[in-house]
Amino acid sequence: MNEMNRNEIELTTYDRLLRAWENSMEMVRDYEMYSKRIEDEEVKKVFKKFAEDEGMHAAKLRELLMDYKNRTPNNIN
């Protein structure tokens, strides 16, 4: 391993899935909060729809995350 690679942090597939799922869950919370605090009905509907859509993304990411974890229990890459 050369000097450059020794100092590099490697993100695994599991790491990326976990980060994407966490980010997606945060977006769901944010969009839900926005939809509850906005009075404009059109904008409120948009944020509510975004929360629902992002919830589906989060669910799929969690499914992939769990499948990946179960597929590679001792070697998560």
C-alpha atoms as a PDB file:
ATOM      1  CA  MET A   1       0.000   0.000   0.000  1.00  0.00           C
ATOM      2  CA  ASN A   2       1.483   3.323  -0.975  1.00  0.00           C
ATOM      3  CA  GLU A   3       1.572   6.391   1.287  1.00  0.00           C
ATOM      4  CA  MET A   4      -1.401   8.012  -0.429  1.00  0.00           C
ATOM      5  CA  ASN A   5      -3.719   5.013   0.096  1.00  0.00           C
ATOM      6  CA  ARG A   6      -2.668   4.502   3.709  1.00  0.00           C
ATOM      7  CA  ASN A   7      -4.264   7.813   4.714  1.00  0.00           C
ATOM      8  CA  GLU A   8      -7.389   7.361   2.623  1.00  0.00           C
ATOM      9  CA  ILE A   9     -10.702   6.432   4.242  1.00  0.00           C
ATOM     10  CA  GLU A  10     -12.586   3.857   2.221  1.00  0.00           C
ATOM     11  CA  LEU A  11     -16.360   3.915   2.239  1.00  0.00           C
ATOM     12  CA  THR A  12     -17.931   0.518   1.708  1.00  0.00           C
ATOM     13  CA  THR A  13     -21.201  -0.261  -0.043  1.00  0.00           C
ATOM     14  CA  TYR A  14     -22.750  -0.747   3.391  1.00  0.00           C
ATOM     15  CA  ASP A  15     -21.459   2.667   4.514  1.00  0.00           C
ATOM     16  CA  ARG A  16     -22.963   4.346   1.463  1.00  0.00           C
ATOM     17  CA  LEU A  17     -26.314   2.595   1.866  1.00  0.00           C
ATOM     18  CA  LEU A  18     -26.443   3.537   5.540  1.00  0.00           C
ATOM     19  CA  ARG A  19     -25.602   7.154   4.825  1.00  0.00           C
ATOM     20  CA  ALA A  20     -28.157   7.383   2.021  1.00  0.00           C
ATOM     21  CA  TRP A  21     -30.860   5.845   4.247  1.00  0.00           C
ATOM     22  CA  GLU A  22     -30.081   8.220   7.110  1.00  0.00           C
ATOM     23  CA  ASN A  23     -30.143  11.234   4.757  1.00  0.00           C
ATOM     24  CA  SER A  24     -33.410  10.066   3.235  1.00  0.00           C
ATOM     25  CA  MET A  25     -35.035   9.672   6.662  1.00  0.00           C
ATOM     26  CA  GLU A  26     -33.925  13.175   7.579  1.00  0.00           C
ATOM     27  CA  MET A  27     -35.493  14.554   4.400  1.00  0.00           C
ATOM     28  CA  VAL A  28     -38.775  12.803   5.251  1.00  0.00           C
ATOM     29  CA  ARG A  29     -38.799  14.493   8.668  1.00  0.00           C
ATOM     30  CA  ASP A  30     -37.935  17.872   7.151  1.00  0.00           C
ATOM     31  CA  TYR A  31     -40.596  17.700   4.431  1.00  0.00           C
ATOM     32  CA  GLU A  32     -43.232  16.594   6.946  1.00  0.00           C
ATOM     33  CA  MET A  33     -42.313  19.456   9.250  1.00  0.00           C
ATOM     34  CA  TYR A  34     -42.458  21.952   6.372  1.00  0.00           C
ATOM     35  CA  SER A  35     -45.860  20.677   5.274  1.00  0.00           C
ATOM     36  CA  LYS A  36     -47.246  21.226   8.782  1.00  0.00           C
ATOM     37  CA  ARG A  37     -45.843  24.734   9.193  1.00  0.00           C
ATOM     38  CA  ILE A  38     -46.768  26.236   5.829  1.00  0.00           C
ATOM     39  CA  GLU A  39     -50.134  27.890   5.329  1.00  0.00           C
ATOM     40  CA  ASP A  40     -50.104  27.985   1.525  1.00  0.00           C
ATOM     41  CA  GLU A  41     -52.115  24.890   0.536  1.00  0.00           C
ATOM     42  CA  GLU A  42     -50.331  24.345  -2.777  1.00  0.00           C
ATOM     43  CA  VAL A  43     -46.873  24.451  -1.189  1.00  0.00           C
ATOM     44  CA  LYS A  44     -48.117  22.328   1.723  1.00  0.00           C
ATOM     45  CA  LYS A  45     -49.288  19.637  -0.732  1.00  0.00           C
ATOM     46  CA  VAL A  46     -45.936  19.662  -2.523  1.00  0.00           C
ATOM     47  CA  PHE A  47     -44.006  19.132   0.705  1.00  0.00           C
ATOM     48  CA  LYS A  48     -46.408  16.421   1.827  1.00  0.00           C
ATOM     49  CA  LYS A  49     -45.935  14.626  -1.513  1.00  0.00           C
ATOM     50  CA  PHE A  50     -42.157  14.999  -1.240  1.00  0.00           C
ATOM     51  CA  ALA A  51     -42.296  13.447   2.255  1.00  0.00           C
ATOM     52  CA  GLU A  52     -44.284  10.492   0.912  1.00  0.00           C
ATOM     53  CA  ASP A  53     -41.952  10.022  -2.059  1.00  0.00           C
ATOM     54  CA  GLU A  54     -38.858  10.278   0.115  1.00  0.00           C
ATOM     55  CA  GLY A  55     -40.438   7.810   2.540  1.00  0.00           C
ATOM     56  CA  MET A  56     -40.587   5.290  -0.306  1.00  0.00           C
ATOM     57  CA  HIS A  57     -36.928   5.984  -1.089  1.00  0.00           C
ATOM     58  CA  ALA A  58     -36.022   5.514   2.575  1.00  0.00           C
ATOM     59  CA  ALA A  59     -37.944   2.231   2.733  1.00  0.00           C
ATOM     60  CA  LYS A  60     -36.165   0.894  -0.365  1.00  0.00           C
ATOM     61  CA  LEU A  61     -32.775   1.995   0.935  1.00  0.00           C
ATOM     62  CA  ARG A  62     -33.469   0.259   4.274  1.00  0.00           C
ATOM     63  CA  GLU A  63     -34.492  -2.907   2.426  1.00  0.00           C
ATOM     64  CA  LEU A  64     -31.265  -2.821   0.407  1.00  0.00           C
ATOM     65  CA  LEU A  65     -29.265  -2.084   3.547  1.00  0.00           C
ATOM     66  CA  MET A  66     -30.733  -5.048   5.440  1.00  0.00           C
ATOM     67  CA  ASP A  67     -30.411  -7.388   2.441  1.00  0.00           C
ATOM     68  CA  TYR A  68     -26.790  -6.368   1.999  1.00  0.00           C
ATOM     69  CA  LYS A  69     -26.056  -6.785   5.701  1.00  0.00           C
ATOM     70  CA  ASN A  70     -27.654 -10.247   5.766  1.00  0.00           C
ATOM     71  CA  ARG A  71     -25.837 -11.275   2.603  1.00  0.00           C
ATOM     72  CA  THR A  72     -22.419 -10.307   3.952  1.00  0.00           C
ATOM     73  CA  PRO A  73     -22.583 -10.598   7.780  1.00  0.00           C
ATOM     74  CA  ASN A  74     -18.837 -10.823   8.421  1.00  0.00           C
ATOM     75  CA  ASN A  75     -17.498  -8.868   5.481  1.00  0.00           C
ATOM     76  CA  ILE A  76     -19.549  -5.726   4.912  1.00  0.00           C
ATOM     77  CA  ASN A  77     -18.021  -3.985   1.881  1.00  0.00           C
END
